[in-house]
PDB file of N, CA and C in Angstrom:
ATOM      1  N   UNK A   1      22.083 -42.599   5.626  1.00  0.00           N
ATOM      2  CA  UNK A   1      21.239 -42.391   4.454  1.00  0.00           C
ATOM      3  C   UNK A   1      20.406 -41.491   4.945  1.00  0.00           C
ATOM      4  N   UNK A   2      19.858 -41.380   6.301  1.00  0.00           N
ATOM      5  CA  UNK A   2      18.797 -40.832   6.783  1.00  0.00           C
ATOM      6  C   UNK A   2      19.008 -39.455   6.872  1.00  0.00           C
ATOM      7  N   UNK A   3      20.298 -39.318   7.591  1.00  0.00           N
ATOM      8  CA  UNK A   3      21.198 -38.071   8.044  1.00  0.00           C
ATOM      9  C   UNK A   3      20.996 -37.398   6.489  1.00  0.00           C
ATOM     10  N   UNK A   4      21.261 -38.069   5.474  1.00  0.00           N
ATOM     11  CA  UNK A   4      21.171 -37.210   4.376  1.00  0.00           C
ATOM     12  C   UNK A   4      20.066 -36.843   3.787  1.00  0.00           C
ATOM     13  N   UNK A   5      19.025 -37.484   3.945  1.00  0.00           N
ATOM     14  CA  UNK A   5      17.788 -37.136   3.540  1.00  0.00           C
ATOM     15  C   UNK A   5      17.132 -35.801   4.608  1.00  0.00           C
ATOM     16  N   UNK A   6      17.338 -35.744   5.847  1.00  0.00           N
ATOM     17  CA  UNK A   6      17.145 -35.060   6.809  1.00  0.00           C
ATOM     18  C   UNK A   6      17.760 -33.954   6.339  1.00  0.00           C
ATOM     19  N   UNK A   7      19.092 -33.858   5.779  1.00  0.00           N
ATOM     20  CA  UNK A   7      19.891 -32.421   5.684  1.00  0.00           C
ATOM     21  C   UNK A   7      18.978 -31.817   4.095  1.00  0.00           C
ATOM     22  N   UNK A   8      18.757 -32.781   3.526  1.00  0.00           N
ATOM     23  CA  UNK A   8      18.230 -32.486   2.275  1.00  0.00           C
ATOM     24  C   UNK A   8      16.948 -31.578   2.624  1.00  0.00           C
ATOM     25  N   UNK A   9      16.166 -32.104   3.366  1.00  0.00           N
ATOM     26  CA  UNK A   9      14.936 -31.434   3.574  1.00  0.00           C
ATOM     27  C   UNK A   9      14.862 -30.321   4.302  1.00  0.00           C
ATOM     28  N   UNK A  10      15.909 -30.349   5.088  1.00  0.00           N
ATOM     29  CA  UNK A  10      16.166 -29.081   5.798  1.00  0.00           C
ATOM     30  C   UNK A  10      16.613 -27.960   5.195  1.00  0.00           C
ATOM     31  N   UNK A  11      17.365 -27.942   4.018  1.00  0.00           N
ATOM     32  CA  UNK A  11      17.799 -27.276   2.952  1.00  0.00           C
ATOM     33  C   UNK A  11      17.016 -26.704   2.099  1.00  0.00           C
ATOM     34  N   UNK A  12      15.394 -27.369   1.851  1.00  0.00           N
ATOM     35  CA  UNK A  12      14.977 -26.599   0.915  1.00  0.00           C
ATOM     36  C   UNK A  12      13.966 -25.580   1.147  1.00  0.00           C
ATOM     37  N   UNK A  13      13.717 -25.157   1.951  1.00  0.00           N
ATOM     38  CA  UNK A  13      13.067 -23.862   2.461  1.00  0.00           C
ATOM     39  C   UNK A  13      14.016 -22.879   2.044  1.00  0.00           C
ATOM     40  N   UNK A  14      15.213 -22.932   2.751  1.00  0.00           N
ATOM     41  CA  UNK A  14      16.065 -21.962   2.549  1.00  0.00           C
ATOM     42  C   UNK A  14      16.531 -21.506   0.959  1.00  0.00           C
ATOM     43  N   UNK A  15      16.581 -22.695   0.290  1.00  0.00           N
ATOM     44  CA  UNK A  15      16.886 -22.566  -1.320  1.00  0.00           C
ATOM     45  C   UNK A  15      15.389 -22.178  -1.997  1.00  0.00           C
ATOM     46  N   UNK A  16      14.494 -22.475  -1.538  1.00  0.00           N
ATOM     47  CA  UNK A  16      12.943 -22.194  -1.971  1.00  0.00           C
ATOM     48  C   UNK A  16      12.934 -20.959  -2.007  1.00  0.00           C
ATOM     49  N   UNK A  17      13.126 -19.904  -0.823  1.00  0.00           N
ATOM     50  CA  UNK A  17      13.013 -18.760  -0.418  1.00  0.00           C
ATOM     51  C   UNK A  17      14.043 -17.908  -1.350  1.00  0.00           C
ATOM     52  N   UNK A  18      15.342 -17.896  -1.333  1.00  0.00           N
ATOM     53  CA  UNK A  18      16.110 -17.889  -2.325  1.00  0.00           C
ATOM     54  C   UNK A  18      15.926 -17.551  -4.015  1.00  0.00           C
ATOM     55  N   UNK A  19      15.403 -18.822  -4.384  1.00  0.00           N
ATOM     56  CA  UNK A  19      14.770 -18.825  -5.767  1.00  0.00           C
ATOM     57  C   UNK A  19      13.855 -18.038  -6.016  1.00  0.00           C
ATOM     58  N   UNK A  20      12.588 -18.147  -5.037  1.00  0.00           N
ATOM     59  CA  UNK A  20      11.655 -16.932  -5.083  1.00  0.00           C
ATOM     60  C   UNK A  20      11.898 -15.708  -5.323  1.00  0.00           C
ATOM     61  N   UNK A  21      12.901 -15.331  -4.463  1.00  0.00           N
ATOM     62  CA  UNK A  21      13.488 -13.655  -4.186  1.00  0.00           C
ATOM     63  C   UNK A  21      14.007 -13.485  -5.237  1.00  0.00           C
ATOM     64  N   UNK A  22      15.101 -14.210  -5.981  1.00  0.00           N
ATOM     65  CA  UNK A  22      15.601 -13.722  -7.377  1.00  0.00           C
ATOM     66  C   UNK A  22      14.380 -13.696  -8.383  1.00  0.00           C
ATOM     67  N   UNK A  23      13.477 -14.745  -8.545  1.00  0.00           N
ATOM     68  CA  UNK A  23      12.497 -14.753  -9.417  1.00  0.00           C
ATOM     69  C   UNK A  23      12.005 -13.416  -9.259  1.00  0.00           C
ATOM     70  N   UNK A  24      11.185 -12.885  -8.295  1.00  0.00           N
ATOM     71  CA  UNK A  24      10.651 -11.682  -7.983  1.00  0.00           C
ATOM     72  C   UNK A  24      11.435 -10.374  -8.089  1.00  0.00           C
ATOM     73  N   UNK A  25      12.695 -10.494  -8.062  1.00  0.00           N
ATOM     74  CA  UNK A  25      13.494  -9.358  -8.620  1.00  0.00           C
ATOM     75  C   UNK A  25      13.869  -9.450  -9.793  1.00  0.00           C
ATOM     76  N   UNK A  26      13.975 -10.442 -10.214  1.00  0.00           N
ATOM     77  CA  UNK A  26      14.034 -10.241 -11.742  1.00  0.00           C
ATOM     78  C   UNK A  26      12.547 -10.029 -12.671  1.00  0.00           C
ATOM     79  N   UNK A  27      11.809 -10.302 -12.140  1.00  0.00           N
ATOM     80  CA  UNK A  27      10.280  -9.836 -12.637  1.00  0.00           C
ATOM     81  C   UNK A  27      10.458  -8.179 -12.744  1.00  0.00           C
ATOM     82  N   UNK A  28      10.415  -7.739 -11.188  1.00  0.00           N
ATOM     83  CA  UNK A  28      10.556  -6.327 -10.807  1.00  0.00           C
ATOM     84  C   UNK A  28      11.189  -5.534 -11.840  1.00  0.00           C
ATOM     85  N   UNK A  29      12.615  -6.180 -11.871  1.00  0.00           N
ATOM     86  CA  UNK A  29      13.745  -5.426 -13.424  1.00  0.00           C
ATOM     87  C   UNK A  29      12.747  -5.052 -14.269  1.00  0.00           C
ATOM     88  N   UNK A  30      12.119  -6.548 -14.565  1.00  0.00           N
ATOM     89  CA  UNK A  30      11.564  -6.297 -16.350  1.00  0.00           C
ATOM     90  C   UNK A  30      10.419  -5.400 -16.710  1.00  0.00           C
ATOM     91  N   UNK A  31       9.747  -5.314 -15.092  1.00  0.00           N
ATOM     92  CA  UNK A  31       8.389  -4.565 -15.311  1.00  0.00           C
ATOM     93  C   UNK A  31       9.018  -2.867 -15.300  1.00  0.00           C
ATOM     94  N   UNK A  32       9.938  -2.933 -14.663  1.00  0.00           N
ATOM     95  CA  UNK A  32      10.440  -1.178 -14.429  1.00  0.00           C
ATOM     96  C   UNK A  32      11.121  -0.997 -15.934  1.00  0.00           C
ATOM     97  N   UNK A  33      11.808  -1.702 -16.492  1.00  0.00           N
ATOM     98  CA  UNK A  33      12.289  -1.646 -17.536  1.00  0.00           C
ATOM     99  C   UNK A  33      11.458  -1.295 -18.533  1.00  0.00           C
ATOM    100  N   UNK A  34      10.631  -2.036 -18.684  1.00  0.00           N
ATOM    101  CA  UNK A  34       9.662  -2.049 -19.961  1.00  0.00           C
ATOM    102  C   UNK A  34       9.092  -0.663 -20.371  1.00  0.00           C
ATOM    103  N   UNK A  35       9.521  -0.312 -21.492  1.00  0.00           N
ATOM    104  CA  UNK A  35       9.157   1.002 -21.641  1.00  0.00           C
ATOM    105  C   UNK A  35       7.896   1.476 -21.874  1.00  0.00           C
ATOM    106  N   UNK A  36       6.658   0.397 -22.079  1.00  0.00           N
ATOM    107  CA  UNK A  36       5.774   0.809 -22.218  1.00  0.00           C
ATOM    108  C   UNK A  36       5.075   0.860 -20.257  1.00  0.00           C
ATOM    109  N   UNK A  37       5.405   0.751 -19.583  1.00  0.00           N
ATOM    110  CA  UNK A  37       5.063   0.707 -18.192  1.00  0.00           C
ATOM    111  C   UNK A  37       4.683   2.065 -17.676  1.00  0.00           C
ATOM    112  N   UNK A  38       4.310   2.051 -16.749  1.00  0.00           N
ATOM    113  CA  UNK A  38       4.069   3.696 -16.365  1.00  0.00           C
ATOM    114  C   UNK A  38       5.182   4.034 -15.134  1.00  0.00           C
ATOM    115  N   UNK A  39       5.975   4.518 -15.090  1.00  0.00           N
ATOM    116  CA  UNK A  39       7.186   5.122 -14.172  1.00  0.00           C
ATOM    117  C   UNK A  39       6.726   5.182 -12.781  1.00  0.00           C
ATOM    118  N   UNK A  40       7.411   4.622 -11.856  1.00  0.00           N
ATOM    119  CA  UNK A  40       7.014   4.564 -10.647  1.00  0.00           C
ATOM    120  C   UNK A  40       6.568   6.122  -9.937  1.00  0.00           C
ATOM    121  N   UNK A  41       7.600   7.197 -10.141  1.00  0.00           N
ATOM    122  CA  UNK A  41       7.208   8.371  -9.738  1.00  0.00           C
ATOM    123  C   UNK A  41       5.900   8.649 -10.308  1.00  0.00           C
ATOM    124  N   UNK A  42       5.457   8.412 -11.486  1.00  0.00           N
ATOM    125  CA  UNK A  42       4.175   8.993 -11.787  1.00  0.00           C
ATOM    126  C   UNK A  42       2.989   8.384 -10.995  1.00  0.00           C
ATOM    127  N   UNK A  43       3.327   6.958 -10.537  1.00  0.00           N
ATOM    128  CA  UNK A  43       2.142   6.018  -9.809  1.00  0.00           C
ATOM    129  C   UNK A  43       1.914   6.957  -8.514  1.00  0.00           C
ATOM    130  N   UNK A  44       3.532   7.118  -7.590  1.00  0.00           N
ATOM    131  CA  UNK A  44       3.415   7.691  -6.315  1.00  0.00           C
ATOM    132  C   UNK A  44       2.981   9.237  -6.580  1.00  0.00           C
ATOM    133  N   UNK A  45       3.286  10.093  -7.524  1.00  0.00           N
ATOM    134  CA  UNK A  45       2.458  11.450  -7.586  1.00  0.00           C
ATOM    135  C   UNK A  45       1.268  11.651  -7.874  1.00  0.00           C
ATOM    136  N   UNK A  46       0.725  10.276  -8.772  1.00  0.00           N
ATOM    137  CA  UNK A  46      -0.947  10.182  -8.596  1.00  0.00           C
ATOM    138  C   UNK A  46      -1.683  10.088  -7.442  1.00  0.00           C
ATOM    139  N   UNK A  47      -1.084   8.763  -6.508  1.00  0.00           N
ATOM    140  CA  UNK A  47      -1.631   8.478  -5.707  1.00  0.00           C
ATOM    141  C   UNK A  47      -1.461   9.653  -4.628  1.00  0.00           C
ATOM    142  N   UNK A  48      -0.177  10.587  -4.722  1.00  0.00           N
ATOM    143  CA  UNK A  48      -0.550  11.810  -3.657  1.00  0.00           C
ATOM    144  C   UNK A  48      -1.587  12.620  -3.691  1.00  0.00           C
ATOM    145  N   UNK A  49      -1.840  12.894  -5.272  1.00  0.00           N
ATOM    146  CA  UNK A  49      -2.874  13.754  -5.464  1.00  0.00           C
ATOM    147  C   UNK A  49      -4.292  13.406  -5.019  1.00  0.00           C
ATOM    148  N   UNK A  50      -4.249  12.061  -5.267  1.00  0.00           N
ATOM    149  CA  UNK A  50      -6.018  11.459  -4.549  1.00  0.00           C
ATOM    150  C   UNK A  50      -5.838  11.329  -3.216  1.00  0.00           C
ATOM    151  N   UNK A  51      -4.832  11.538  -2.471  1.00  0.00           N
ATOM    152  CA  UNK A  51      -4.855  11.149  -1.284  1.00  0.00           C
ATOM    153  C   UNK A  51      -5.202  12.694  -0.731  1.00  0.00           C
ATOM    154  N   UNK A  52      -4.310  13.731  -1.382  1.00  0.00           N
ATOM    155  CA  UNK A  52      -4.803  15.348  -1.227  1.00  0.00           C
ATOM    156  C   UNK A  52      -5.990  15.725  -1.290  1.00  0.00           C
ATOM    157  N   UNK A  53      -6.869  14.969  -2.452  1.00  0.00           N
ATOM    158  CA  UNK A  53      -8.364  15.067  -2.654  1.00  0.00           C
ATOM    159  C   UNK A  53      -9.031  14.783  -1.268  1.00  0.00           C
ATOM    160  N   UNK A  54      -8.677  13.569  -1.201  1.00  0.00           N
ATOM    161  CA  UNK A  54      -9.610  12.775   0.020  1.00  0.00           C
ATOM    162  C   UNK A  54      -9.386  13.859   1.057  1.00  0.00           C
ATOM    163  N   UNK A  55      -8.451  14.208   1.711  1.00  0.00           N
ATOM    164  CA  UNK A  55      -8.326  15.156   2.882  1.00  0.00           C
ATOM    165  C   UNK A  55      -8.877  16.304   2.733  1.00  0.00           C
ATOM    166  N   UNK A  56      -8.607  16.632   1.295  1.00  0.00           N
ATOM    167  CA  UNK A  56      -9.575  18.049   1.166  1.00  0.00           C
ATOM    168  C   UNK A  56     -11.218  17.734   1.205  1.00  0.00           C
ATOM    169  N   UNK A  57     -11.832  17.065   0.968  1.00  0.00           N
ATOM    170  CA  UNK A  57     -12.944  16.283   0.740  1.00  0.00           C
ATOM    171  C   UNK A  57     -13.632  16.311   2.367  1.00  0.00           C
ATOM    172  N   UNK A  58     -12.485  15.638   3.353  1.00  0.00           N
ATOM    173  CA  UNK A  58     -12.992  15.754   4.679  1.00  0.00           C
ATOM    174  C   UNK A  58     -12.819  16.966   5.338  1.00  0.00           C
ATOM    175  N   UNK A  59     -12.117  17.499   4.638  1.00  0.00           N
ATOM    176  CA  UNK A  59     -11.867  18.807   5.812  1.00  0.00           C
ATOM    177  C   UNK A  59     -13.076  19.882   5.412  1.00  0.00           C
ATOM    178  N   UNK A  60     -13.799  19.894   4.101  1.00  0.00           N
ATOM    179  CA  UNK A  60     -15.277  20.102   3.646  1.00  0.00           C
ATOM    180  C   UNK A  60     -16.108  19.846   4.530  1.00  0.00           C
ATOM    181  N   UNK A  61     -16.005  18.405   4.595  1.00  0.00           N
ATOM    182  CA  UNK A  61     -17.190  17.763   5.602  1.00  0.00           C
ATOM    183  C   UNK A  61     -17.156  18.194   6.592  1.00  0.00           C
ATOM    184  N   UNK A  62     -16.022  18.125   7.518  1.00  0.00           N
ATOM    185  CA  UNK A  62     -16.002  18.725   8.941  1.00  0.00           C
ATOM    186  C   UNK A  62     -16.309  20.096   8.634  1.00  0.00           C
ATOM    187  N   UNK A  63     -16.174  20.787   8.071  1.00  0.00           N
ATOM    188  CA  UNK A  63     -16.573  22.333   7.980  1.00  0.00           C
ATOM    189  C   UNK A  63     -17.971  22.569   7.812  1.00  0.00           C
ATOM    190  N   UNK A  64     -18.822  21.743   7.128  1.00  0.00           N
ATOM    191  CA  UNK A  64     -20.023  21.782   7.097  1.00  0.00           C
ATOM    192  C   UNK A  64     -20.762  21.256   8.059  1.00  0.00           C
ATOM    193  N   UNK A  65     -20.274  20.108   8.796  1.00  0.00           N
ATOM    194  CA  UNK A  65     -20.704  19.439  10.047  1.00  0.00           C
ATOM    195  C   UNK A  65     -20.839  20.548  11.231  1.00  0.00           C
ATOM    196  N   UNK A  66     -20.003  21.344  11.241  1.00  0.00           N
ATOM    197  CA  UNK A  66     -19.277  22.174  12.328  1.00  0.00           C
ATOM    198  C   UNK A  66     -20.499  23.681  12.079  1.00  0.00           C
ATOM    199  N   UNK A  67     -20.454  23.875  10.860  1.00  0.00           N
ATOM    200  CA  UNK A  67     -21.910  24.992  10.359  1.00  0.00           C
ATOM    201  C   UNK A  67     -23.590  24.214  10.921  1.00  0.00           C
ATOM    202  N   UNK A  68     -23.459  23.194  10.549  1.00  0.00           N
ATOM    203  CA  UNK A  68     -24.887  22.779  10.850  1.00  0.00           C
ATOM    204  C   UNK A  68     -25.053  22.663  12.651  1.00  0.00           C
ATOM    205  N   UNK A  69     -23.784  22.373  13.052  1.00  0.00           N
ATOM    206  CA  UNK A  69     -23.904  22.236  14.625  1.00  0.00           C
ATOM    207  C   UNK A  69     -24.002  23.450  15.253  1.00  0.00           C
ATOM    208  N   UNK A  70     -23.192  24.112  14.501  1.00  0.00           N
ATOM    209  CA  UNK A  70     -23.540  26.082  14.960  1.00  0.00           C
ATOM    210  C   UNK A  70     -25.126  26.400  14.884  1.00  0.00           C
ATOM    211  N   UNK A  71     -25.816  26.114  13.869  1.00  0.00           N
ATOM    212  CA  UNK A  71     -26.915  26.561  13.074  1.00  0.00           C
ATOM    213  C   UNK A  71     -27.842  25.962  14.483  1.00  0.00           C
ATOM    214  N   UNK A  72     -27.708  24.718  14.531  1.00  0.00           N
ATOM    215  CA  UNK A  72     -28.795  24.087  15.524  1.00  0.00           C
ATOM    216  C   UNK A  72     -28.655  24.244  16.885  1.00  0.00           C
ATOM    217  N   UNK A  73     -27.280  24.595  17.130  1.00  0.00           N
ATOM    218  CA  UNK A  73     -27.111  24.986  18.519  1.00  0.00           C
ATOM    219  C   UNK A  73     -26.709  23.456  19.205  1.00  0.00           C
ATOM    220  N   UNK A  74     -26.208  22.466  18.771  1.00  0.00           N
ATOM    221  CA  UNK A  74     -26.258  20.999  19.233  1.00  0.00           C
ATOM    222  C   UNK A  74     -25.122  20.538  18.529  1.00  0.00           C
ATOM    223  N   UNK A  75     -24.347  19.562  19.646  1.00  0.00           N
ATOM    224  CA  UNK A  75     -23.333  18.723  19.462  1.00  0.00           C
ATOM    225  C   UNK A  75     -23.579  17.346  18.727  1.00  0.00           C
ATOM    226  N   UNK A  76     -23.559  16.987  17.188  1.00  0.00           N
ATOM    227  CA  UNK A  76     -23.693  15.753  16.940  1.00  0.00           C
ATOM    228  C   UNK A  76     -22.713  14.965  17.130  1.00  0.00           C
ATOM    229  N   UNK A  77     -22.924  13.154  17.539  1.00  0.00           N
ATOM    230  CA  UNK A  77     -22.043  12.701  17.901  1.00  0.00           C
ATOM    231  C   UNK A  77     -21.246  12.303  16.511  1.00  0.00           C
ATOM    232  N   UNK A  78     -21.045  12.583  15.920  1.00  0.00           N
ATOM    233  CA  UNK A  78     -20.601  11.846  14.569  1.00  0.00           C
ATOM    234  C   UNK A  78     -18.910  12.022  14.353  1.00  0.00           C
ATOM    235  N   UNK A  79     -18.297  13.255  15.252  1.00  0.00           N
ATOM    236  CA  UNK A  79     -16.928  13.251  15.387  1.00  0.00           C
ATOM    237  C   UNK A  79     -15.962  12.161  16.097  1.00  0.00           C
ATOM    238  N   UNK A  80     -15.081  12.055  15.847  1.00  0.00           N
ATOM    239  CA  UNK A  80     -14.210  11.021  16.393  1.00  0.00           C
ATOM    240  C   UNK A  80     -13.590  11.340  17.602  1.00  0.00           C
ATOM    241  N   UNK A  81     -14.177  12.808  18.094  1.00  0.00           N
ATOM    242  CA  UNK A  81     -13.667  12.897  19.322  1.00  0.00           C
ATOM    243  C   UNK A  81     -14.205  12.888  20.768  1.00  0.00           C
TER     244      UNK A  81
END
């Protein structure tokens, strides 16, 4: 009897993981298939645009800092290098 109990306890994590994976996949399919949801490609494009804007802003700040350093004739310790 104890061997059966041990086997059941040992099988629980695998079964639980499979059940959670199934429910997660099912939920994902429903959210993607929902016509009112935003398509994943749109989300990725929006994220890409925001990252590009951040990079452009960082570039502008680096250029301004370099100009200030040049005008003052010093090197500020703000750079990462």
